[in-house]
């Protein structure tokens, strides 16, 4: 095994005079060799140093792990997402000037560490040969405002975590942040004040997120969104994600952007959530093989097919030539009279109704969050609520596999123009247990998504909801189930029903919601039916 030399606290100058600190892991005996750059807001030692620094250096790479601005000895003030472009490019320039730099480099890292890669990759030049990104995306705006609804729990838990890491005994923050967040969201305080409960002081980034909504035209996002440039990245990209990860839909949009640009990225999606320790081993294994192939000319560790998916419900790994797999087609599962669900079109029937009261918001059980265990959970307790409509298919006569994007079209008539439409797909076992497979939300307002229906009663609106993508086998004897609701608290902030800004507080207005399912207003979930494998 290659010995590793370590230099700590190297000073990397930024254009504005701030200095960022970095640690350099060098393979003993190697002077000029390819480098791996890792930029992190979570520190650069401990597990980062052991797994990433020494792990890659033992394979013959120089490794630089740098602390982002404002943390762990680096100067300046942390402005999450805001400085990673300029700081990253300055760090790349510093890297190229080092005497041990061998003329090519890669970038690596999950979550925020992956975002820092996208912030510089389109501008890094031809010496950037490879990227290994995990559970991340090129922009976090849409994950902060899922379908236009504020992702309260994830936003508050992350800002509480990073605040806790800056304090004494900061290493415990990853354990305390979820508990403090849960206490805050149950406190009854206005959204804009929840940071005072979770952290005991205002958290600027949380307040920025509350203030600067999901509209990409808002200037706040101009220097924080790198999705328009993804197709310009020339480096070879490998991606690893999880079916229950908060960033998966936007990670797959990055994959699609690369494919449209003629690139051939690799993609692995497993049965993992964001902080799941189980993806650590495949993360290192795949990144190591990728870097050896693209920086050292050794492709022996690469698999033949670029896409590898774990099919939940089947417990199988599959390799495919692309995402979605070739031969996948959309299949509409219609909401039907009597709370049925099926591929046959609906017949004429009266709408179903429920009442959403933001003073007692519809809760959520499971689903993707940033700092929690997001694996599927039994939904039967939620399905007993009067503010959740539940539509179920008959027992399936044969196994059905769905692999690809999922969306829903739901025709609703709320009594207030401001409402969220939450749709969830579940797998119901023969013993009655009902496990969530995927979900999504669309926030409606007078001028937002949810255009008037082409026909039907006045006031009916068509809500188009993007759910999390899936690769799932619904087994013979199981049933497919769909929830329709207007809340998923605290995963998303309650909709007050008034259209007032989140930061404004104010009254809460309940809404009576009608859900239509008739030939003229055919509400449905559109599932990706996968062709049988030959």
Protein backbone atom coordinates (compact mmCIF):
# COMPACT_ATOMS: atom_id res chain seq x y z
CA UNK A 1 0.00 0.00 0.00
CA UNK A 2 1.31 3.44 -0.96
CA UNK A 3 2.44 5.60 1.95
CA UNK A 4 0.90 9.06 2.25
CA UNK A 5 2.49 12.36 3.24
CA UNK A 6 0.24 15.03 4.75
CA UNK A 7 0.68 18.80 4.77
CA UNK A 8 -1.89 20.63 6.86
CA UNK A 9 -3.23 24.18 6.70
CA UNK A 10 -1.91 25.26 3.34
CA UNK A 11 -2.93 28.84 2.69
CA UNK A 12 -4.89 29.42 -0.53
CA UNK A 13 -5.42 33.12 -1.39
CA UNK A 14 -8.72 34.37 -2.81
CA UNK A 15 -9.01 37.44 -5.08
CA UNK A 16 -10.62 39.52 -2.32
CA UNK A 17 -7.74 38.92 0.10
CA UNK A 18 -9.41 36.16 2.12
CA UNK A 19 -7.32 33.04 2.77
CA UNK A 20 -8.82 29.54 2.72
CA UNK A 21 -7.07 26.59 4.36
CA UNK A 22 -6.43 23.25 2.70
CA UNK A 23 -4.77 19.94 3.53
CA UNK A 24 -2.62 18.16 0.94
CA UNK A 25 -2.36 14.36 0.88
CA UNK A 26 0.50 13.21 -1.35
CA UNK A 27 1.43 9.67 -2.39
CA UNK A 28 4.97 9.10 -1.14
CA UNK A 29 7.47 9.09 -3.98
CA UNK A 30 5.18 10.68 -6.53
CA UNK A 31 6.26 14.15 -7.57
CA UNK A 32 3.96 15.16 -10.41
CA UNK A 33 0.72 13.19 -10.51
CA UNK A 34 -2.97 13.83 -11.18
CA UNK A 35 -4.83 15.64 -8.41
CA UNK A 36 -8.25 15.29 -6.77
CA UNK A 37 -9.81 18.50 -5.46
CA UNK A 38 -12.43 18.38 -2.69
CA UNK A 39 -14.04 21.55 -1.30
CA UNK A 40 -16.12 21.18 1.86
CA UNK A 41 -18.03 23.36 4.35
CA UNK A 42 -17.91 20.50 6.89
CA UNK A 43 -14.21 20.46 7.68
CA UNK A 44 -11.32 18.60 6.11
CA UNK A 45 -10.18 16.13 8.76
CA UNK A 46 -11.66 13.18 10.57
CA UNK A 47 -13.53 10.89 8.21
CA UNK A 48 -13.03 13.27 5.29
CA UNK A 49 -9.28 13.02 5.65
CA UNK A 50 -9.24 9.29 6.31
CA UNK A 51 -11.68 8.16 3.62
CA UNK A 52 -11.10 10.72 0.91
CA UNK A 53 -7.67 12.20 1.53
CA UNK A 54 -5.75 9.05 2.34
CA UNK A 55 -8.11 6.87 0.30
CA UNK A 56 -7.33 8.57 -3.01
CA UNK A 57 -3.68 9.35 -2.19
CA UNK A 58 -2.98 5.64 -1.65
CA UNK A 59 -4.06 5.12 -5.26
CA UNK A 60 -1.44 7.55 -6.54
CA UNK A 61 -3.37 10.84 -6.60
CA UNK A 62 -2.47 14.13 -4.98
CA UNK A 63 -5.50 15.12 -2.90
CA UNK A 64 -6.40 18.64 -1.77
CA UNK A 65 -9.22 18.98 0.76
CA UNK A 66 -10.14 22.61 1.32
CA UNK A 67 -12.47 24.20 3.85
CA UNK A 68 -14.93 26.55 2.21
CA UNK A 69 -15.03 30.20 3.18
CA UNK A 70 -15.98 30.98 6.76
CA UNK A 71 -15.42 27.59 8.38
CA UNK A 72 -12.78 25.38 9.98
CA UNK A 73 -10.02 27.95 9.84
CA UNK A 74 -10.78 29.43 6.44
CA UNK A 75 -11.25 33.19 6.42
CA UNK A 76 -14.27 35.23 5.47
CA UNK A 77 -17.92 34.57 6.23
CA UNK A 78 -19.87 31.57 4.98
CA UNK A 79 -22.43 32.67 2.40
CA UNK A 80 -23.86 29.28 1.46
CA UNK A 81 -23.84 28.69 -2.29
CA UNK A 82 -22.82 32.29 -2.94
CA UNK A 83 -19.00 32.19 -3.09
CA UNK A 84 -18.29 28.74 -4.46
CA UNK A 85 -17.82 29.84 -8.07
CA UNK A 86 -15.19 32.52 -7.44
CA UNK A 87 -13.50 30.67 -4.58
CA UNK A 88 -13.46 27.44 -6.54
CA UNK A 89 -11.84 28.97 -9.60
CA UNK A 90 -9.23 30.72 -7.45
CA UNK A 91 -8.46 27.37 -5.82
CA UNK A 92 -8.07 25.71 -9.23
CA UNK A 93 -5.61 28.45 -10.24
CA UNK A 94 -3.64 27.86 -7.03
CA UNK A 95 -3.68 24.10 -7.67
CA UNK A 96 -2.21 24.53 -11.14
CA UNK A 97 0.66 26.58 -9.74
CA UNK A 98 1.84 23.89 -7.31
CA UNK A 99 5.15 22.17 -8.17
CA UNK A 100 3.66 18.73 -7.64
CA UNK A 101 0.67 19.34 -9.96
CA UNK A 102 0.79 16.87 -12.83
CA UNK A 103 -1.29 18.74 -15.39
CA UNK A 104 -4.72 17.20 -14.82
CA UNK A 105 -7.22 16.98 -11.99
CA UNK A 106 -10.59 15.62 -10.92
CA UNK A 107 -13.17 16.81 -8.42
CA UNK A 108 -15.04 14.71 -5.89
CA UNK A 109 -17.69 14.92 -3.24
CA UNK A 110 -21.30 14.43 -2.11
CA UNK A 111 -24.08 16.91 -1.33
CA UNK A 112 -22.68 20.44 -0.89
CA UNK A 113 -19.26 19.11 -1.94
CA UNK A 114 -20.89 18.08 -5.22
CA UNK A 115 -22.45 21.51 -5.67
CA UNK A 116 -18.99 23.08 -5.36
CA UNK A 117 -17.94 20.94 -8.34
CA UNK A 118 -20.76 22.20 -10.56
CA UNK A 119 -19.91 25.78 -9.52
CA UNK A 120 -16.56 25.60 -11.33
CA UNK A 121 -16.76 22.68 -13.77
CA UNK A 122 -18.03 24.61 -16.83
CA UNK A 123 -15.22 27.13 -16.41
CA UNK A 124 -12.31 24.93 -15.25
CA UNK A 125 -10.82 24.22 -18.68
CA UNK A 126 -9.55 21.02 -20.30
CA UNK A 127 -7.30 20.03 -17.39
CA UNK A 128 -10.44 19.03 -15.45
CA UNK A 129 -10.73 15.44 -16.67
CA UNK A 130 -13.32 13.90 -14.35
CA UNK A 131 -16.00 14.57 -11.73
CA UNK A 132 -17.53 12.19 -9.20
CA UNK A 133 -20.71 13.67 -7.72
CA UNK A 134 -23.01 12.03 -5.20
CA UNK A 135 -26.46 12.95 -3.83
CA UNK A 136 -26.19 16.46 -5.23
CA UNK A 137 -27.24 18.78 -8.04
CA UNK A 138 -26.08 21.85 -9.91
CA UNK A 139 -28.66 24.03 -8.18
CA UNK A 140 -30.41 23.73 -4.82
CA UNK A 141 -33.20 26.26 -5.43
CA UNK A 142 -35.73 23.67 -6.57
CA UNK A 143 -34.93 21.40 -3.64
CA UNK A 144 -35.50 24.33 -1.27
CA UNK A 145 -38.84 25.06 -2.95
CA UNK A 146 -40.18 21.68 -4.04
CA UNK A 147 -42.90 22.34 -6.59
CA UNK A 148 -42.95 25.91 -5.32
CA UNK A 149 -43.54 24.87 -1.69
CA UNK A 150 -40.85 25.70 0.87
CA UNK A 151 -38.96 22.58 2.03
CA UNK A 152 -39.09 23.67 5.64
CA UNK A 153 -37.60 20.70 7.46
CA UNK A 154 -34.59 20.27 5.17
CA UNK A 155 -33.83 24.00 4.98
CA UNK A 156 -34.04 24.53 8.73
CA UNK A 157 -32.13 21.37 9.63
CA UNK A 158 -29.21 22.21 7.29
CA UNK A 159 -28.86 25.79 8.50
CA UNK A 160 -29.13 24.60 12.10
CA UNK A 161 -26.47 21.97 11.37
CA UNK A 162 -23.96 24.40 9.84
CA UNK A 163 -24.55 26.87 12.67
CA UNK A 164 -23.95 24.13 15.24
CA UNK A 165 -20.76 23.02 13.51
CA UNK A 166 -19.34 26.53 13.97
CA UNK A 167 -19.74 26.34 17.76
CA UNK A 168 -17.90 24.51 20.50
CA UNK A 169 -18.44 20.74 20.33
CA UNK A 170 -19.60 21.26 16.74
CA UNK A 171 -19.02 17.61 15.88
CA UNK A 172 -22.25 16.73 17.69
CA UNK A 173 -24.32 19.02 15.46
CA UNK A 174 -25.19 16.24 13.01
CA UNK A 175 -26.93 14.47 15.90
CA UNK A 176 -28.57 17.49 17.53
CA UNK A 177 -29.73 19.42 14.44
CA UNK A 178 -32.63 17.07 13.53
CA UNK A 179 -33.93 17.11 17.12
CA UNK A 180 -33.66 20.89 17.39
CA UNK A 181 -35.39 21.26 14.02
CA UNK A 182 -38.26 19.02 15.08
CA UNK A 183 -38.70 21.04 18.25
CA UNK A 184 -38.80 24.25 16.23
CA UNK A 185 -41.37 23.13 13.65
CA UNK A 186 -43.69 21.97 16.43
CA UNK A 187 -43.33 25.22 18.37
CA UNK A 188 -46.12 27.09 16.58
CA UNK A 189 -43.84 30.05 15.82
CA UNK A 190 -44.00 31.73 12.38
CA UNK A 191 -41.71 30.22 9.76
CA UNK A 192 -39.41 33.25 9.74
CA UNK A 193 -38.74 32.81 13.48
CA UNK A 194 -38.09 29.08 13.61
CA UNK A 195 -34.32 29.59 13.51
CA UNK A 196 -34.60 31.36 16.87
CA UNK A 197 -35.99 28.11 18.30
CA UNK A 198 -33.60 25.68 16.59
CA UNK A 199 -30.39 27.72 16.90
CA UNK A 200 -31.19 30.40 19.46
CA UNK A 201 -30.26 33.17 17.02
CA UNK A 202 -31.09 34.38 13.51
CA UNK A 203 -29.59 32.23 10.76
CA UNK A 204 -28.95 34.44 7.71
CA UNK A 205 -29.10 31.70 5.09
CA UNK A 206 -32.38 30.32 6.46
CA UNK A 207 -33.84 33.82 6.33
CA UNK A 208 -32.53 34.27 2.81
CA UNK A 209 -34.29 31.08 1.76
CA UNK A 210 -37.55 32.19 3.38
CA UNK A 211 -37.33 35.57 1.64
CA UNK A 212 -36.11 34.59 -1.83
CA UNK A 213 -38.76 32.29 -3.23
CA UNK A 214 -38.58 29.66 -5.95
CA UNK A 215 -38.73 31.93 -8.98
CA UNK A 216 -35.41 31.45 -10.86
CA UNK A 217 -35.71 35.05 -12.09
CA UNK A 218 -35.13 36.35 -8.56
CA UNK A 219 -31.62 37.93 -8.64
CA UNK A 220 -30.62 36.10 -5.45
CA UNK A 221 -30.28 32.86 -7.44
CA UNK A 222 -28.24 34.31 -10.32
CA UNK A 223 -24.85 33.32 -8.90
CA UNK A 224 -26.16 30.20 -7.14
CA UNK A 225 -27.69 28.27 -10.05
CA UNK A 226 -25.30 26.44 -12.39
CA UNK A 227 -27.87 24.24 -14.12
CA UNK A 228 -27.84 26.28 -17.38
CA UNK A 229 -24.13 25.46 -17.79
CA UNK A 230 -24.22 21.70 -17.10
CA UNK A 231 -24.27 20.83 -20.80
CA UNK A 232 -21.04 22.80 -21.29
CA UNK A 233 -19.05 20.58 -18.93
CA UNK A 234 -16.46 18.63 -20.90
CA UNK A 235 -15.15 16.55 -18.00
CA UNK A 236 -16.32 12.95 -17.67
CA UNK A 237 -19.03 12.82 -15.00
CA UNK A 238 -20.18 9.96 -12.81
CA UNK A 239 -23.19 10.41 -10.54
CA UNK A 240 -24.45 8.45 -7.56
CA UNK A 241 -27.88 9.06 -6.06
CA UNK A 242 -30.54 7.52 -3.87
CA UNK A 243 -34.22 6.85 -4.50
CA UNK A 244 -35.01 8.55 -1.19
CA UNK A 245 -32.58 11.46 -1.52
CA UNK A 246 -33.82 15.06 -1.45
CA UNK A 247 -31.77 16.02 -4.54
CA UNK A 248 -32.56 13.09 -6.83
CA UNK A 249 -35.02 14.80 -9.24
CA UNK A 250 -32.56 17.60 -9.97
CA UNK A 251 -29.57 15.27 -10.14
CA UNK A 252 -31.41 13.46 -12.92
CA UNK A 253 -32.08 16.78 -14.67
CA UNK A 254 -28.30 17.28 -14.67
CA UNK A 255 -27.88 13.81 -16.15
CA UNK A 256 -30.43 14.67 -18.86
CA UNK A 257 -28.63 17.94 -19.65
CA UNK A 258 -25.37 16.08 -20.17
CA UNK A 259 -27.07 13.53 -22.42
CA UNK A 260 -28.66 16.27 -24.54
CA UNK A 261 -25.19 17.75 -24.96
CA UNK A 262 -23.91 14.44 -26.31
CA UNK A 263 -22.05 13.41 -23.15
CA UNK A 264 -22.17 9.91 -21.69
CA UNK A 265 -22.17 10.20 -17.91
CA UNK A 266 -22.41 7.22 -15.62
CA UNK A 267 -25.30 6.99 -13.15
CA UNK A 268 -25.90 4.78 -10.13
CA UNK A 269 -29.06 5.00 -8.01
CA UNK A 270 -29.45 2.83 -4.93
CA UNK A 271 -32.03 2.36 -2.15
CA UNK A 272 -30.42 5.15 -0.15
CA UNK A 273 -31.38 8.39 1.56
CA UNK A 274 -29.22 11.50 1.91
CA UNK A 275 -27.25 10.69 5.07
CA UNK A 276 -27.33 6.92 4.54
CA UNK A 277 -23.98 5.40 5.48
CA UNK A 278 -24.61 2.53 3.06
CA UNK A 279 -23.66 4.60 0.02
CA UNK A 280 -20.16 5.38 1.36
CA UNK A 281 -18.55 2.20 0.01
CA UNK A 282 -19.97 2.40 -3.55
CA UNK A 283 -19.16 6.12 -3.58
CA UNK A 284 -15.45 5.45 -3.12
CA UNK A 285 -15.39 2.37 -5.33
CA UNK A 286 -17.04 4.08 -8.28
CA UNK A 287 -15.07 7.32 -7.94
CA UNK A 288 -11.79 5.43 -7.74
CA UNK A 289 -12.54 3.44 -10.89
CA UNK A 290 -13.68 6.62 -12.65
CA UNK A 291 -10.54 8.57 -11.76
CA UNK A 292 -8.22 5.72 -12.73
CA UNK A 293 -9.96 5.55 -16.10
CA UNK A 294 -9.93 9.26 -16.90
CA UNK A 295 -6.73 10.44 -15.22
CA UNK A 296 -4.51 7.36 -15.42
CA UNK A 297 -5.76 5.65 -18.56
CA UNK A 298 -6.94 2.48 -16.80
CA UNK A 299 -10.59 1.75 -17.71
CA UNK A 300 -10.52 -1.82 -16.35
CA UNK A 301 -12.78 -0.90 -13.40
CA UNK A 302 -15.61 0.57 -15.47
CA UNK A 303 -18.81 -1.38 -16.12
CA UNK A 304 -20.04 -1.85 -19.72
CA UNK A 305 -23.41 -0.10 -19.26
CA UNK A 306 -23.40 3.44 -17.89
CA UNK A 307 -26.59 3.24 -15.77
CA UNK A 308 -26.98 0.99 -12.73
CA UNK A 309 -30.26 1.00 -10.77
CA UNK A 310 -31.49 -0.81 -7.71
CA UNK A 311 -35.09 -1.91 -8.33
CA UNK A 312 -36.94 -1.57 -5.04
CA UNK A 313 -39.64 -4.14 -4.40
CA UNK A 314 -37.50 -6.63 -6.29
CA UNK A 315 -34.23 -6.18 -4.41
CA UNK A 316 -32.26 -6.37 -7.64
CA UNK A 317 -29.50 -4.32 -9.26
CA UNK A 318 -29.89 -3.77 -12.99
CA UNK A 319 -27.62 -2.23 -15.63
CA UNK A 320 -29.10 -0.18 -18.48
CA UNK A 321 -27.72 1.83 -21.41
CA UNK A 322 -29.56 5.03 -20.39
CA UNK A 323 -32.03 6.75 -18.08
CA UNK A 324 -34.93 6.24 -18.39
CA UNK A 325 -34.38 2.70 -19.67
CA UNK A 326 -35.19 2.25 -23.36
CA UNK A 327 -38.69 0.89 -23.91
CA UNK A 328 -40.24 2.62 -20.91
CA UNK A 329 -43.65 4.12 -21.67
CA UNK A 330 -46.09 6.23 -19.70
CA UNK A 331 -49.15 4.53 -18.26
CA UNK A 332 -52.00 6.56 -16.77
CA UNK A 333 -53.54 5.27 -13.55
CA UNK A 334 -56.81 7.14 -13.17
CA UNK A 335 -58.48 8.18 -9.96
CA UNK A 336 -61.91 6.58 -10.10
CA UNK A 337 -65.33 6.68 -8.50
CA UNK A 338 -65.48 5.04 -5.09
CA UNK A 339 -61.80 5.77 -4.40
CA UNK A 340 -60.64 3.29 -6.99
CA UNK A 341 -57.50 3.45 -9.14
CA UNK A 342 -56.94 1.82 -12.51
CA UNK A 343 -55.76 2.09 -16.09
CA UNK A 344 -59.33 2.29 -17.40
CA UNK A 345 -60.59 5.81 -17.94
CA UNK A 346 -62.94 7.23 -15.31
CA UNK A 347 -66.68 7.39 -15.73
CA UNK A 348 -68.95 10.30 -14.84
CA UNK A 349 -68.96 10.81 -11.09
CA UNK A 350 -69.15 13.52 -8.48
CA UNK A 351 -65.89 14.94 -7.13
CA UNK A 352 -64.40 13.83 -3.84
CA UNK A 353 -63.89 16.44 -1.14
CA UNK A 354 -61.68 17.20 1.81
CA UNK A 355 -60.91 20.20 3.99
CA UNK A 356 -57.39 21.44 4.57
CA UNK A 357 -56.84 23.51 7.70
CA UNK A 358 -53.38 25.09 7.98
CA UNK A 359 -53.92 25.53 11.71
CA UNK A 360 -53.83 21.72 11.88
CA UNK A 361 -51.69 20.91 8.83
CA UNK A 362 -51.74 17.47 7.26
CA UNK A 363 -48.63 15.69 8.57
CA UNK A 364 -46.19 13.56 6.64
CA UNK A 365 -44.86 10.10 7.46
CA UNK A 366 -41.47 9.52 5.88
CA UNK A 367 -40.48 10.88 2.48
CA UNK A 368 -37.24 12.57 1.39
CA UNK A 369 -35.65 14.90 3.94
CA UNK A 370 -32.07 16.06 4.30
CA UNK A 371 -31.03 14.84 7.76
CA UNK A 372 -33.40 11.98 8.47
CA UNK A 373 -33.97 8.33 7.63
CA UNK A 374 -36.14 8.63 4.51
CA UNK A 375 -36.74 4.94 3.85
CA UNK A 376 -40.37 3.97 3.12
CA UNK A 377 -42.70 3.80 6.11
CA UNK A 378 -46.18 2.38 6.73
CA UNK A 379 -48.76 5.04 5.81
CA UNK A 380 -51.88 3.47 7.35
CA UNK A 381 -52.11 6.01 10.18
CA UNK A 382 -51.96 8.87 7.70
CA UNK A 383 -54.56 7.21 5.48
CA UNK A 384 -57.10 7.37 8.31
CA UNK A 385 -57.14 11.18 8.22
CA UNK A 386 -60.12 13.01 6.70
CA UNK A 387 -57.80 15.45 4.90
CA UNK A 388 -56.12 12.70 2.86
CA UNK A 389 -57.96 11.11 -0.07
CA UNK A 390 -56.88 7.52 -0.77
CA UNK A 391 -57.37 5.74 -4.12
CA UNK A 392 -56.46 2.05 -4.47
CA UNK A 393 -56.21 -0.38 -7.35
CA UNK A 394 -57.43 -3.96 -7.20
CA UNK A 395 -54.84 -6.56 -6.30
CA UNK A 396 -52.39 -6.93 -9.18
CA UNK A 397 -52.70 -10.12 -11.22
CA UNK A 398 -48.99 -10.05 -12.12
CA UNK A 399 -45.81 -8.22 -11.18
CA UNK A 400 -45.58 -4.69 -12.62
CA UNK A 401 -42.30 -2.78 -12.91
CA UNK A 402 -42.20 1.00 -13.08
CA UNK A 403 -38.82 2.62 -13.87
CA UNK A 404 -38.53 6.29 -14.75
CA UNK A 405 -40.05 9.71 -14.00
CA UNK A 406 -43.45 9.95 -12.30
CA UNK A 407 -45.95 12.76 -12.64
CA UNK A 408 -49.58 13.45 -11.82
CA UNK A 409 -52.36 15.55 -13.32
CA UNK A 410 -55.00 16.36 -10.72
CA UNK A 411 -58.07 18.48 -11.37
CA UNK A 412 -58.97 20.40 -8.25
CA UNK A 413 -61.28 23.20 -7.20
CA UNK A 414 -60.16 24.78 -3.93
CA UNK A 415 -62.21 27.39 -2.11
CA UNK A 416 -59.10 29.58 -1.86
CA UNK A 417 -56.77 30.22 -4.81
CA UNK A 418 -53.76 29.39 -2.61
CA UNK A 419 -53.39 25.66 -2.07
CA UNK A 420 -50.82 22.87 -2.26
CA UNK A 421 -51.55 19.65 -4.10
CA UNK A 422 -49.63 16.72 -2.60
CA UNK A 423 -49.62 13.39 -4.44
CA UNK A 424 -48.06 10.20 -3.10
CA UNK A 425 -47.79 6.70 -4.61
CA UNK A 426 -47.76 3.72 -2.25
CA UNK A 427 -47.25 -0.04 -2.51
CA UNK A 428 -49.92 -1.87 -0.50
CA UNK A 429 -48.96 -5.33 0.70
CA UNK A 430 -51.47 -8.20 0.99
CA UNK A 431 -51.47 -7.79 4.79
CA UNK A 432 -52.61 -4.16 4.45
CA UNK A 433 -49.34 -2.35 5.08
CA UNK A 434 -49.00 0.67 2.80
CA UNK A 435 -45.47 1.90 2.06
CA UNK A 436 -44.71 5.18 0.31
CA UNK A 437 -42.80 4.77 -2.96
CA UNK A 438 -42.63 8.37 -4.21
CA UNK A 439 -44.33 11.72 -3.74
CA UNK A 440 -44.43 15.30 -4.95
CA UNK A 441 -46.14 18.64 -4.43
CA UNK A 442 -47.29 21.61 -6.48
CA UNK A 443 -48.09 24.95 -4.85
CA UNK A 444 -50.93 26.75 -6.60
CA UNK A 445 -51.68 30.46 -6.67
CA UNK A 446 -53.70 32.69 -8.97
CA UNK A 447 -50.77 33.11 -11.38
CA UNK A 448 -48.71 29.98 -10.64
CA UNK A 449 -48.82 26.44 -11.99
CA UNK A 450 -52.31 25.02 -12.11
CA UNK A 451 -53.91 26.52 -15.19
CA UNK A 452 -57.70 26.44 -15.58
CA UNK A 453 -59.10 23.18 -16.91
CA UNK A 454 -60.15 23.17 -20.56
CA UNK A 455 -63.65 22.04 -19.61
CA UNK A 456 -65.78 21.42 -16.56
CA UNK A 457 -67.17 23.61 -13.78
CA UNK A 458 -65.85 27.10 -13.23
CA UNK A 459 -62.87 27.31 -10.90
CA UNK A 460 -61.45 23.86 -11.67
CA UNK A 461 -57.68 23.91 -12.06
CA UNK A 462 -55.25 21.37 -13.46
CA UNK A 463 -52.38 20.77 -11.05
CA UNK A 464 -49.31 19.21 -12.66
CA UNK A 465 -47.21 17.51 -10.01
CA UNK A 466 -43.74 16.07 -10.51
CA UNK A 467 -43.10 13.19 -8.13
CA UNK A 468 -39.77 11.57 -7.27
CA UNK A 469 -38.61 9.15 -9.97
CA UNK A 470 -38.74 5.45 -9.18
CA UNK A 471 -37.50 2.00 -10.09
CA UNK A 472 -39.97 -0.25 -8.31
CA UNK A 473 -41.62 -3.62 -8.73
CA UNK A 474 -45.23 -3.81 -7.55
CA UNK A 475 -45.62 -7.50 -6.89
CA UNK A 476 -48.47 -9.79 -7.78
CA UNK A 477 -51.16 -9.56 -5.09
CA UNK A 478 -50.07 -6.05 -4.06
CA UNK A 479 -52.10 -2.93 -4.83
CA UNK A 480 -51.05 0.47 -6.12
CA UNK A 481 -52.36 3.33 -3.99
CA UNK A 482 -52.42 7.10 -4.50
CA UNK A 483 -52.85 9.80 -1.86
CA UNK A 484 -54.13 13.29 -2.65
CA UNK A 485 -53.78 15.89 0.09
CA UNK A 486 -52.90 19.56 0.59
CA UNK A 487 -50.09 19.31 3.12
CA UNK A 488 -47.03 17.32 4.16
CA UNK A 489 -45.88 19.06 7.31
CA UNK A 490 -43.11 19.67 8.30
CA UNK A 491 -41.40 18.42 5.12
CA UNK A 492 -43.01 21.41 3.42
CA UNK A 493 -44.19 24.54 5.17
CA UNK A 494 -47.92 24.83 5.70
CA UNK A 495 -49.75 26.86 3.07
CA UNK A 496 -51.56 29.65 4.99
CA UNK A 497 -54.14 29.99 2.22
CA UNK A 498 -53.65 33.74 1.88
CA UNK A 499 -50.81 34.17 -0.59
CA UNK A 500 -48.84 36.21 1.94
CA UNK A 501 -45.05 35.77 1.92
CA UNK A 502 -43.68 33.09 4.26
CA UNK A 503 -41.85 35.71 6.27
CA UNK A 504 -44.98 37.77 6.77
CA UNK A 505 -46.95 35.55 9.13
CA UNK A 506 -50.59 36.53 9.44
CA UNK A 507 -53.89 34.65 9.48
CA UNK A 508 -54.45 31.06 8.40
CA UNK A 509 -57.31 30.32 6.00
CA UNK A 510 -58.75 26.82 5.57
CA UNK A 511 -59.66 25.52 2.12
CA UNK A 512 -62.38 23.12 0.98
CA UNK A 513 -60.95 21.14 -1.91
CA UNK A 514 -62.78 19.16 -4.57
CA UNK A 515 -60.89 16.52 -6.57
CA UNK A 516 -62.45 15.59 -9.92
CA UNK A 517 -62.22 12.28 -11.79
CA UNK A 518 -64.48 12.19 -14.82
CA UNK A 519 -63.99 11.78 -18.59
CA UNK A 520 -63.66 15.54 -18.99
CA UNK A 521 -61.47 15.98 -15.89
CA UNK A 522 -59.43 12.76 -15.74
CA UNK A 523 -57.17 13.05 -12.71
CA UNK A 524 -54.38 10.49 -12.94
CA UNK A 525 -50.92 9.48 -11.86
CA UNK A 526 -48.67 8.80 -14.85
CA UNK A 527 -46.34 5.91 -14.06
CA UNK A 528 -43.35 4.69 -16.13
CA UNK A 529 -44.19 1.17 -17.22
CA UNK A 530 -40.96 -0.64 -18.00
CA UNK A 531 -40.79 -3.18 -20.79
CA UNK A 532 -39.98 -6.72 -19.64
CA UNK A 533 -36.31 -7.61 -19.99
CA UNK A 534 -35.59 -10.07 -22.74
